[in-house]
PDB file of N, CA and C in Angstrom:
ATOM      1  N   UNK A   1      65.813-173.227  66.404  1.00  0.00           N
ATOM      2  CA  UNK A   1      66.518-171.869  66.012  1.00  0.00           C
ATOM      3  C   UNK A   1      65.432-171.235  66.382  1.00  0.00           C
ATOM      4  N   UNK A   2      64.156-171.567  65.483  1.00  0.00           N
ATOM      5  CA  UNK A   2      63.181-170.457  66.271  1.00  0.00           C
ATOM      6  C   UNK A   2      62.758-170.333  66.906  1.00  0.00           C
ATOM      7  N   UNK A   3      62.600-170.929  68.117  1.00  0.00           N
ATOM      8  CA  UNK A   3      62.311-170.442  69.609  1.00  0.00           C
ATOM      9  C   UNK A   3      63.751-169.443  70.032  1.00  0.00           C
ATOM     10  N   UNK A   4      64.640-170.018  69.842  1.00  0.00           N
ATOM     11  CA  UNK A   4      65.697-168.907  70.228  1.00  0.00           C
ATOM     12  C   UNK A   4      65.649-167.621  69.468  1.00  0.00           C
ATOM     13  N   UNK A   5      65.532-167.556  68.837  1.00  0.00           N
ATOM     14  CA  UNK A   5      65.746-166.290  67.943  1.00  0.00           C
ATOM     15  C   UNK A   5      64.204-165.600  68.520  1.00  0.00           C
ATOM     16  N   UNK A   6      63.126-166.124  68.612  1.00  0.00           N
ATOM     17  CA  UNK A   6      61.838-165.885  69.427  1.00  0.00           C
ATOM     18  C   UNK A   6      61.861-165.228  70.802  1.00  0.00           C
ATOM     19  N   UNK A   7      62.623-165.971  71.269  1.00  0.00           N
ATOM     20  CA  UNK A   7      63.542-165.838  72.752  1.00  0.00           C
ATOM     21  C   UNK A   7      63.828-164.272  73.298  1.00  0.00           C
ATOM     22  N   UNK A   8      64.987-164.238  71.942  1.00  0.00           N
ATOM     23  CA  UNK A   8      66.180-162.682  72.333  1.00  0.00           C
ATOM     24  C   UNK A   8      65.072-161.907  71.380  1.00  0.00           C
ATOM     25  N   UNK A   9      64.343-161.533  70.022  1.00  0.00           N
ATOM     26  CA  UNK A   9      63.478-161.235  70.322  1.00  0.00           C
ATOM     27  C   UNK A   9      62.976-160.377  71.269  1.00  0.00           C
ATOM     28  N   UNK A  10      62.016-161.466  72.043  1.00  0.00           N
ATOM     29  CA  UNK A  10      60.993-161.075  73.477  1.00  0.00           C
ATOM     30  C   UNK A  10      61.831-160.273  74.268  1.00  0.00           C
ATOM     31  N   UNK A  11      63.110-160.697  74.574  1.00  0.00           N
ATOM     32  CA  UNK A  11      64.557-160.714  75.626  1.00  0.00           C
ATOM     33  C   UNK A  11      64.625-159.007  75.597  1.00  0.00           C
ATOM     34  N   UNK A  12      64.784-158.970  74.549  1.00  0.00           N
ATOM     35  CA  UNK A  12      65.533-157.243  73.568  1.00  0.00           C
ATOM     36  C   UNK A  12      64.057-156.507  73.754  1.00  0.00           C
ATOM     37  N   UNK A  13      62.987-156.475  73.691  1.00  0.00           N
ATOM     38  CA  UNK A  13      62.009-155.704  73.750  1.00  0.00           C
ATOM     39  C   UNK A  13      62.390-155.736  75.170  1.00  0.00           C
ATOM     40  N   UNK A  14      61.820-156.566  75.963  1.00  0.00           N
ATOM     41  CA  UNK A  14      62.349-156.406  77.462  1.00  0.00           C
ATOM     42  C   UNK A  14      63.007-155.554  77.754  1.00  0.00           C
ATOM     43  N   UNK A  15      64.314-155.841  77.438  1.00  0.00           N
ATOM     44  CA  UNK A  15      65.982-155.050  77.601  1.00  0.00           C
ATOM     45  C   UNK A  15      64.985-153.381  77.943  1.00  0.00           C
ATOM     46  N   UNK A  16      64.804-153.406  76.379  1.00  0.00           N
ATOM     47  CA  UNK A  16      64.593-151.879  76.030  1.00  0.00           C
ATOM     48  C   UNK A  16      63.877-151.274  76.728  1.00  0.00           C
ATOM     49  N   UNK A  17      62.784-151.525  76.506  1.00  0.00           N
ATOM     50  CA  UNK A  17      61.310-151.273  77.850  1.00  0.00           C
ATOM     51  C   UNK A  17      61.691-150.925  78.598  1.00  0.00           C
ATOM     52  N   UNK A  18      62.779-151.759  79.411  1.00  0.00           N
ATOM     53  CA  UNK A  18      62.705-151.420  80.714  1.00  0.00           C
ATOM     54  C   UNK A  18      64.319-150.563  80.860  1.00  0.00           C
ATOM     55  N   UNK A  19      65.139-150.516  80.140  1.00  0.00           N
ATOM     56  CA  UNK A  19      66.211-149.445  79.787  1.00  0.00           C
ATOM     57  C   UNK A  19      65.929-147.751  79.898  1.00  0.00           C
ATOM     58  N   UNK A  20      64.497-147.922  78.933  1.00  0.00           N
ATOM     59  CA  UNK A  20      64.174-145.977  78.424  1.00  0.00           C
ATOM     60  C   UNK A  20      63.594-146.397  79.834  1.00  0.00           C
ATOM     61  N   UNK A  21      62.537-146.717  80.175  1.00  0.00           N
ATOM     62  CA  UNK A  21      61.814-146.480  81.776  1.00  0.00           C
ATOM     63  C   UNK A  21      63.020-145.652  82.506  1.00  0.00           C
ATOM     64  N   UNK A  22      63.991-146.822  82.855  1.00  0.00           N
ATOM     65  CA  UNK A  22      64.505-146.509  83.998  1.00  0.00           C
ATOM     66  C   UNK A  22      65.484-145.191  84.096  1.00  0.00           C
ATOM     67  N   UNK A  23      65.787-145.141  81.967  1.00  0.00           N
ATOM     68  CA  UNK A  23      66.694-143.574  82.016  1.00  0.00           C
ATOM     69  C   UNK A  23      65.817-142.561  81.677  1.00  0.00           C
ATOM     70  N   UNK A  24      64.800-142.887  81.923  1.00  0.00           N
ATOM     71  CA  UNK A  24      63.727-141.495  81.715  1.00  0.00           C
ATOM     72  C   UNK A  24      63.236-141.697  83.638  1.00  0.00           C
ATOM     73  N   UNK A  25      63.287-142.496  84.694  1.00  0.00           N
ATOM     74  CA  UNK A  25      63.125-142.011  85.477  1.00  0.00           C
ATOM     75  C   UNK A  25      64.502-140.843  86.032  1.00  0.00           C
ATOM     76  N   UNK A  26      65.052-141.724  85.963  1.00  0.00           N
ATOM     77  CA  UNK A  26      66.815-141.011  86.061  1.00  0.00           C
ATOM     78  C   UNK A  26      66.874-139.498  85.980  1.00  0.00           C
ATOM     79  N   UNK A  27      67.111-139.805  84.753  1.00  0.00           N
ATOM     80  CA  UNK A  27      66.567-138.228  83.865  1.00  0.00           C
ATOM     81  C   UNK A  27      65.601-137.346  84.496  1.00  0.00           C
ATOM     82  N   UNK A  28      64.530-137.390  85.028  1.00  0.00           N
ATOM     83  CA  UNK A  28      63.269-136.950  85.641  1.00  0.00           C
ATOM     84  C   UNK A  28      64.302-136.445  87.265  1.00  0.00           C
ATOM     85  N   UNK A  29      64.794-137.448  87.916  1.00  0.00           N
ATOM     86  CA  UNK A  29      65.173-137.404  89.888  1.00  0.00           C
ATOM     87  C   UNK A  29      64.104-137.841  89.880  1.00  0.00           C
ATOM     88  N   UNK A  30      63.169-138.756  89.369  1.00  0.00           N
ATOM     89  CA  UNK A  30      61.849-139.506  89.735  1.00  0.00           C
ATOM     90  C   UNK A  30      62.399-141.233  90.584  1.00  0.00           C
ATOM     91  N   UNK A  31      62.282-141.420  91.953  1.00  0.00           N
ATOM     92  CA  UNK A  31      62.505-142.831  92.319  1.00  0.00           C
ATOM     93  C   UNK A  31      62.020-143.860  91.356  1.00  0.00           C
ATOM     94  N   UNK A  32      63.236-145.148  91.503  1.00  0.00           N
ATOM     95  CA  UNK A  32      62.442-145.898  90.917  1.00  0.00           C
ATOM     96  C   UNK A  32      62.023-147.058  92.240  1.00  0.00           C
ATOM     97  N   UNK A  33      60.687-147.614  91.604  1.00  0.00           N
ATOM     98  CA  UNK A  33      60.611-149.516  92.046  1.00  0.00           C
ATOM     99  C   UNK A  33      60.660-150.160  91.198  1.00  0.00           C
ATOM    100  N   UNK A  34      61.901-150.281  91.203  1.00  0.00           N
ATOM    101  CA  UNK A  34      62.037-151.508  90.046  1.00  0.00           C
ATOM    102  C   UNK A  34      61.706-152.846  89.825  1.00  0.00           C
ATOM    103  N   UNK A  35      60.986-153.186  91.097  1.00  0.00           N
ATOM    104  CA  UNK A  35      60.115-154.762  90.830  1.00  0.00           C
ATOM    105  C   UNK A  35      58.761-154.453  89.893  1.00  0.00           C
ATOM    106  N   UNK A  36      58.138-153.394  90.861  1.00  0.00           N
ATOM    107  CA  UNK A  36      56.620-153.022  89.835  1.00  0.00           C
ATOM    108  C   UNK A  36      57.770-152.742  88.145  1.00  0.00           C
ATOM    109  N   UNK A  37      58.552-151.664  88.288  1.00  0.00           N
ATOM    110  CA  UNK A  37      58.871-151.319  86.769  1.00  0.00           C
ATOM    111  C   UNK A  37      59.380-153.201  85.990  1.00  0.00           C
ATOM    112  N   UNK A  38      59.670-153.543  86.056  1.00  0.00           N
ATOM    113  CA  UNK A  38      60.144-154.866  85.720  1.00  0.00           C
ATOM    114  C   UNK A  38      58.788-156.195  86.091  1.00  0.00           C
ATOM    115  N   UNK A  39      57.814-155.983  86.589  1.00  0.00           N
ATOM    116  CA  UNK A  39      56.543-156.625  87.017  1.00  0.00           C
ATOM    117  C   UNK A  39      55.587-155.793  85.366  1.00  0.00           C
ATOM    118  N   UNK A  40      56.097-155.515  85.105  1.00  0.00           N
ATOM    119  CA  UNK A  40      55.139-154.559  84.380  1.00  0.00           C
ATOM    120  C   UNK A  40      55.412-154.662  83.029  1.00  0.00           C
ATOM    121  N   UNK A  41      56.729-154.771  82.949  1.00  0.00           N
ATOM    122  CA  UNK A  41      57.404-154.794  82.047  1.00  0.00           C
ATOM    123  C   UNK A  41      57.760-156.369  80.985  1.00  0.00           C
ATOM    124  N   UNK A  42      57.207-156.885  82.291  1.00  0.00           N
ATOM    125  CA  UNK A  42      57.015-158.892  81.759  1.00  0.00           C
ATOM    126  C   UNK A  42      55.543-158.814  81.633  1.00  0.00           C
ATOM    127  N   UNK A  43      54.996-157.917  82.463  1.00  0.00           N
ATOM    128  CA  UNK A  43      53.274-158.339  81.551  1.00  0.00           C
ATOM    129  C   UNK A  43      53.188-157.157  80.240  1.00  0.00           C
ATOM    130  N   UNK A  44      53.696-156.624  79.850  1.00  0.00           N
ATOM    131  CA  UNK A  44      53.279-155.946  78.939  1.00  0.00           C
ATOM    132  C   UNK A  44      52.809-157.273  77.481  1.00  0.00           C
ATOM    133  N   UNK A  45      51.828-156.748  77.598  1.00  0.00           N
ATOM    134  CA  UNK A  45      51.138-157.813  76.393  1.00  0.00           C
ATOM    135  C   UNK A  45      51.886-158.061  74.671  1.00  0.00           C
ATOM    136  N   UNK A  46      52.585-156.428  74.479  1.00  0.00           N
ATOM    137  CA  UNK A  46      53.003-156.420  73.355  1.00  0.00           C
ATOM    138  C   UNK A  46      54.114-157.072  73.141  1.00  0.00           C
ATOM    139  N   UNK A  47      55.393-157.453  74.254  1.00  0.00           N
ATOM    140  CA  UNK A  47      56.158-158.000  74.718  1.00  0.00           C
ATOM    141  C   UNK A  47      56.275-159.454  74.706  1.00  0.00           C
ATOM    142  N   UNK A  48      55.554-159.817  75.644  1.00  0.00           N
ATOM    143  CA  UNK A  48      55.105-160.545  75.560  1.00  0.00           C
ATOM    144  C   UNK A  48      56.075-161.519  75.901  1.00  0.00           C
ATOM    145  N   UNK A  49      56.816-161.570  77.537  1.00  0.00           N
ATOM    146  CA  UNK A  49      57.785-162.404  78.151  1.00  0.00           C
ATOM    147  C   UNK A  49      57.110-163.376  78.388  1.00  0.00           C
ATOM    148  N   UNK A  50      58.366-164.624  78.372  1.00  0.00           N
ATOM    149  CA  UNK A  50      57.806-165.801  79.202  1.00  0.00           C
ATOM    150  C   UNK A  50      59.167-166.283  80.064  1.00  0.00           C
ATOM    151  N   UNK A  51      58.895-166.937  80.597  1.00  0.00           N
ATOM    152  CA  UNK A  51      59.555-167.326  81.815  1.00  0.00           C
ATOM    153  C   UNK A  51      61.535-168.388  81.305  1.00  0.00           C
ATOM    154  N   UNK A  52      61.009-168.658  79.701  1.00  0.00           N
ATOM    155  CA  UNK A  52      62.665-168.945  79.040  1.00  0.00           C
ATOM    156  C   UNK A  52      63.045-168.100  78.142  1.00  0.00           C
ATOM    157  N   UNK A  53      62.286-166.508  78.502  1.00  0.00           N
ATOM    158  CA  UNK A  53      62.798-165.913  77.573  1.00  0.00           C
ATOM    159  C   UNK A  53      64.039-165.169  78.857  1.00  0.00           C
ATOM    160  N   UNK A  54      63.659-165.267  80.201  1.00  0.00           N
ATOM    161  CA  UNK A  54      64.547-164.411  81.207  1.00  0.00           C
ATOM    162  C   UNK A  54      66.402-164.478  81.351  1.00  0.00           C
ATOM    163  N   UNK A  55      66.705-165.888  81.096  1.00  0.00           N
ATOM    164  CA  UNK A  55      68.071-165.530  80.485  1.00  0.00           C
ATOM    165  C   UNK A  55      68.848-164.979  79.251  1.00  0.00           C
ATOM    166  N   UNK A  56      67.708-165.389  78.464  1.00  0.00           N
ATOM    167  CA  UNK A  56      68.137-164.189  77.115  1.00  0.00           C
ATOM    168  C   UNK A  56      68.827-162.798  77.515  1.00  0.00           C
ATOM    169  N   UNK A  57      67.488-162.150  78.604  1.00  0.00           N
ATOM    170  CA  UNK A  57      67.229-160.485  79.186  1.00  0.00           C
ATOM    171  C   UNK A  57      68.220-160.723  79.917  1.00  0.00           C
ATOM    172  N   UNK A  58      68.992-161.488  80.568  1.00  0.00           N
ATOM    173  CA  UNK A  58      70.049-160.867  81.499  1.00  0.00           C
ATOM    174  C   UNK A  58      71.357-160.860  81.342  1.00  0.00           C
ATOM    175  N   UNK A  59      71.311-162.125  79.686  1.00  0.00           N
ATOM    176  CA  UNK A  59      72.683-162.037  79.361  1.00  0.00           C
ATOM    177  C   UNK A  59      72.712-160.475  78.586  1.00  0.00           C
ATOM    178  N   UNK A  60      71.588-160.153  77.806  1.00  0.00           N
ATOM    179  CA  UNK A  60      71.418-158.978  77.168  1.00  0.00           C
ATOM    180  C   UNK A  60      71.561-157.995  78.017  1.00  0.00           C
ATOM    181  N   UNK A  61      71.051-157.895  79.230  1.00  0.00           N
ATOM    182  CA  UNK A  61      71.033-156.844  80.146  1.00  0.00           C
ATOM    183  C   UNK A  61      72.832-156.991  81.193  1.00  0.00           C
ATOM    184  N   UNK A  62      73.207-158.312  80.878  1.00  0.00           N
ATOM    185  CA  UNK A  62      74.758-158.071  81.642  1.00  0.00           C
ATOM    186  C   UNK A  62      75.577-157.218  80.380  1.00  0.00           C
ATOM    187  N   UNK A  63      75.270-157.358  79.009  1.00  0.00           N
ATOM    188  CA  UNK A  63      76.187-156.835  78.061  1.00  0.00           C
ATOM    189  C   UNK A  63      76.224-155.405  78.511  1.00  0.00           C
ATOM    190  N   UNK A  64      74.730-154.833  78.557  1.00  0.00           N
ATOM    191  CA  UNK A  64      74.637-153.869  79.020  1.00  0.00           C
ATOM    192  C   UNK A  64      75.558-153.053  80.234  1.00  0.00           C
ATOM    193  N   UNK A  65      75.243-153.925  80.921  1.00  0.00           N
ATOM    194  CA  UNK A  65      75.745-153.668  82.704  1.00  0.00           C
ATOM    195  C   UNK A  65      77.430-152.993  82.287  1.00  0.00           C
ATOM    196  N   UNK A  66      78.170-153.606  81.407  1.00  0.00           N
ATOM    197  CA  UNK A  66      79.442-154.165  81.234  1.00  0.00           C
ATOM    198  C   UNK A  66      79.590-152.659  80.432  1.00  0.00           C
ATOM    199  N   UNK A  67      79.152-151.797  79.437  1.00  0.00           N
ATOM    200  CA  UNK A  67      79.101-150.709  79.239  1.00  0.00           C
ATOM    201  C   UNK A  67      79.464-149.514  80.026  1.00  0.00           C
ATOM    202  N   UNK A  68      80.442-148.578  80.370  1.00  0.00           N
ATOM    203  CA  UNK A  68      80.423-147.457  81.527  1.00  0.00           C
ATOM    204  C   UNK A  68      79.686-146.881  80.863  1.00  0.00           C
ATOM    205  N   UNK A  69      79.999-146.415  79.919  1.00  0.00           N
ATOM    206  CA  UNK A  69      79.031-144.598  79.636  1.00  0.00           C
ATOM    207  C   UNK A  69      77.156-145.069  78.831  1.00  0.00           C
ATOM    208  N   UNK A  70      77.279-146.658  79.603  1.00  0.00           N
ATOM    209  CA  UNK A  70      75.406-146.653  79.961  1.00  0.00           C
ATOM    210  C   UNK A  70      74.906-146.034  81.041  1.00  0.00           C
ATOM    211  N   UNK A  71      75.317-145.836  82.068  1.00  0.00           N
ATOM    212  CA  UNK A  71      75.419-145.480  82.692  1.00  0.00           C
ATOM    213  C   UNK A  71      74.257-145.753  84.633  1.00  0.00           C
ATOM    214  N   UNK A  72      74.128-147.177  84.126  1.00  0.00           N
ATOM    215  CA  UNK A  72      73.977-147.643  85.246  1.00  0.00           C
ATOM    216  C   UNK A  72      74.473-147.594  86.816  1.00  0.00           C
ATOM    217  N   UNK A  73      73.349-147.978  87.383  1.00  0.00           N
ATOM    218  CA  UNK A  73      73.667-147.424  88.921  1.00  0.00           C
ATOM    219  C   UNK A  73      74.005-149.353  89.380  1.00  0.00           C
ATOM    220  N   UNK A  74      74.737-149.152  90.140  1.00  0.00           N
ATOM    221  CA  UNK A  74      74.976-150.913  90.765  1.00  0.00           C
ATOM    222  C   UNK A  74      73.607-150.807  91.233  1.00  0.00           C
ATOM    223  N   UNK A  75      72.789-150.156  92.607  1.00  0.00           N
ATOM    224  CA  UNK A  75      71.819-151.161  92.971  1.00  0.00           C
ATOM    225  C   UNK A  75      70.726-151.269  91.990  1.00  0.00           C
ATOM    226  N   UNK A  76      70.726-150.621  90.607  1.00  0.00           N
ATOM    227  CA  UNK A  76      70.558-151.479  89.630  1.00  0.00           C
ATOM    228  C   UNK A  76      70.188-152.214  88.874  1.00  0.00           C
ATOM    229  N   UNK A  77      71.463-152.947  88.361  1.00  0.00           N
ATOM    230  CA  UNK A  77      71.669-153.707  88.395  1.00  0.00           C
ATOM    231  C   UNK A  77      71.519-154.938  89.178  1.00  0.00           C
ATOM    232  N   UNK A  78      72.166-154.731  90.296  1.00  0.00           N
ATOM    233  CA  UNK A  78      71.893-155.735  91.528  1.00  0.00           C
ATOM    234  C   UNK A  78      70.202-155.864  91.593  1.00  0.00           C
ATOM    235  N   UNK A  79      69.179-154.980  90.964  1.00  0.00           N
ATOM    236  CA  UNK A  79      68.012-155.427  92.041  1.00  0.00           C
ATOM    237  C   UNK A  79      67.301-155.765  90.335  1.00  0.00           C
ATOM    238  N   UNK A  80      67.776-155.649  89.143  1.00  0.00           N
ATOM    239  CA  UNK A  80      66.907-156.381  88.253  1.00  0.00           C
ATOM    240  C   UNK A  80      67.821-158.146  87.998  1.00  0.00           C
ATOM    241  N   UNK A  81      69.350-158.354  87.833  1.00  0.00           N
ATOM    242  CA  UNK A  81      69.623-159.080  88.882  1.00  0.00           C
ATOM    243  C   UNK A  81      69.166-159.832  89.055  1.00  0.00           C
ATOM    244  N   UNK A  82      68.319-159.959  90.613  1.00  0.00           N
ATOM    245  CA  UNK A  82      67.559-160.024  91.832  1.00  0.00           C
ATOM    246  C   UNK A  82      66.577-160.821  91.615  1.00  0.00           C
ATOM    247  N   UNK A  83      65.591-160.026  90.850  1.00  0.00           N
ATOM    248  CA  UNK A  83      64.453-159.507  89.995  1.00  0.00           C
ATOM    249  C   UNK A  83      64.142-161.306  88.922  1.00  0.00           C
ATOM    250  N   UNK A  84      65.394-160.941  87.886  1.00  0.00           N
ATOM    251  CA  UNK A  84      65.929-162.405  87.018  1.00  0.00           C
ATOM    252  C   UNK A  84      65.708-163.262  87.903  1.00  0.00           C
ATOM    253  N   UNK A  85      66.855-163.415  88.754  1.00  0.00           N
ATOM    254  CA  UNK A  85      66.748-164.765  89.386  1.00  0.00           C
ATOM    255  C   UNK A  85      65.753-165.397  90.160  1.00  0.00           C
ATOM    256  N   UNK A  86      64.859-164.706  90.858  1.00  0.00           N
ATOM    257  CA  UNK A  86      64.146-165.350  91.336  1.00  0.00           C
ATOM    258  C   UNK A  86      62.321-165.509  90.474  1.00  0.00           C
ATOM    259  N   UNK A  87      62.393-164.848  89.417  1.00  0.00           N
ATOM    260  CA  UNK A  87      61.759-164.769  88.729  1.00  0.00           C
ATOM    261  C   UNK A  87      62.028-166.508  88.076  1.00  0.00           C
ATOM    262  N   UNK A  88      63.138-166.903  87.217  1.00  0.00           N
ATOM    263  CA  UNK A  88      63.243-167.717  86.572  1.00  0.00           C
ATOM    264  C   UNK A  88      62.896-169.090  87.433  1.00  0.00           C
ATOM    265  N   UNK A  89      63.504-168.556  88.515  1.00  0.00           N
ATOM    266  CA  UNK A  89      63.581-169.815  89.469  1.00  0.00           C
ATOM    267  C   UNK A  89      62.329-170.099  90.153  1.00  0.00           C
ATOM    268  N   UNK A  90      61.519-169.486  90.485  1.00  0.00           N
ATOM    269  CA  UNK A  90      60.086-169.098  91.040  1.00  0.00           C
ATOM    270  C   UNK A  90      59.058-170.411  90.699  1.00  0.00           C
TER     271      UNK A  90
END
């Protein structure tokens, strides 16, 4: 129970960090190097992501992607899903 809660919390922090950075880049018209952005967020010591947290992050992202008001672009969704899959099964 405790482990699942900790994983969910880390995944939530990771998703928020990535979402805010993507939104900031998009607002400013800056092209996103999604893989680098995801790697930097994953390596952030304050988030403390672990490999076992990635499925939780994917669930949270998928919920966010399903909201049409969230403003995610298809290419962003696709690259995030791909990165999580590759990172998790590496």
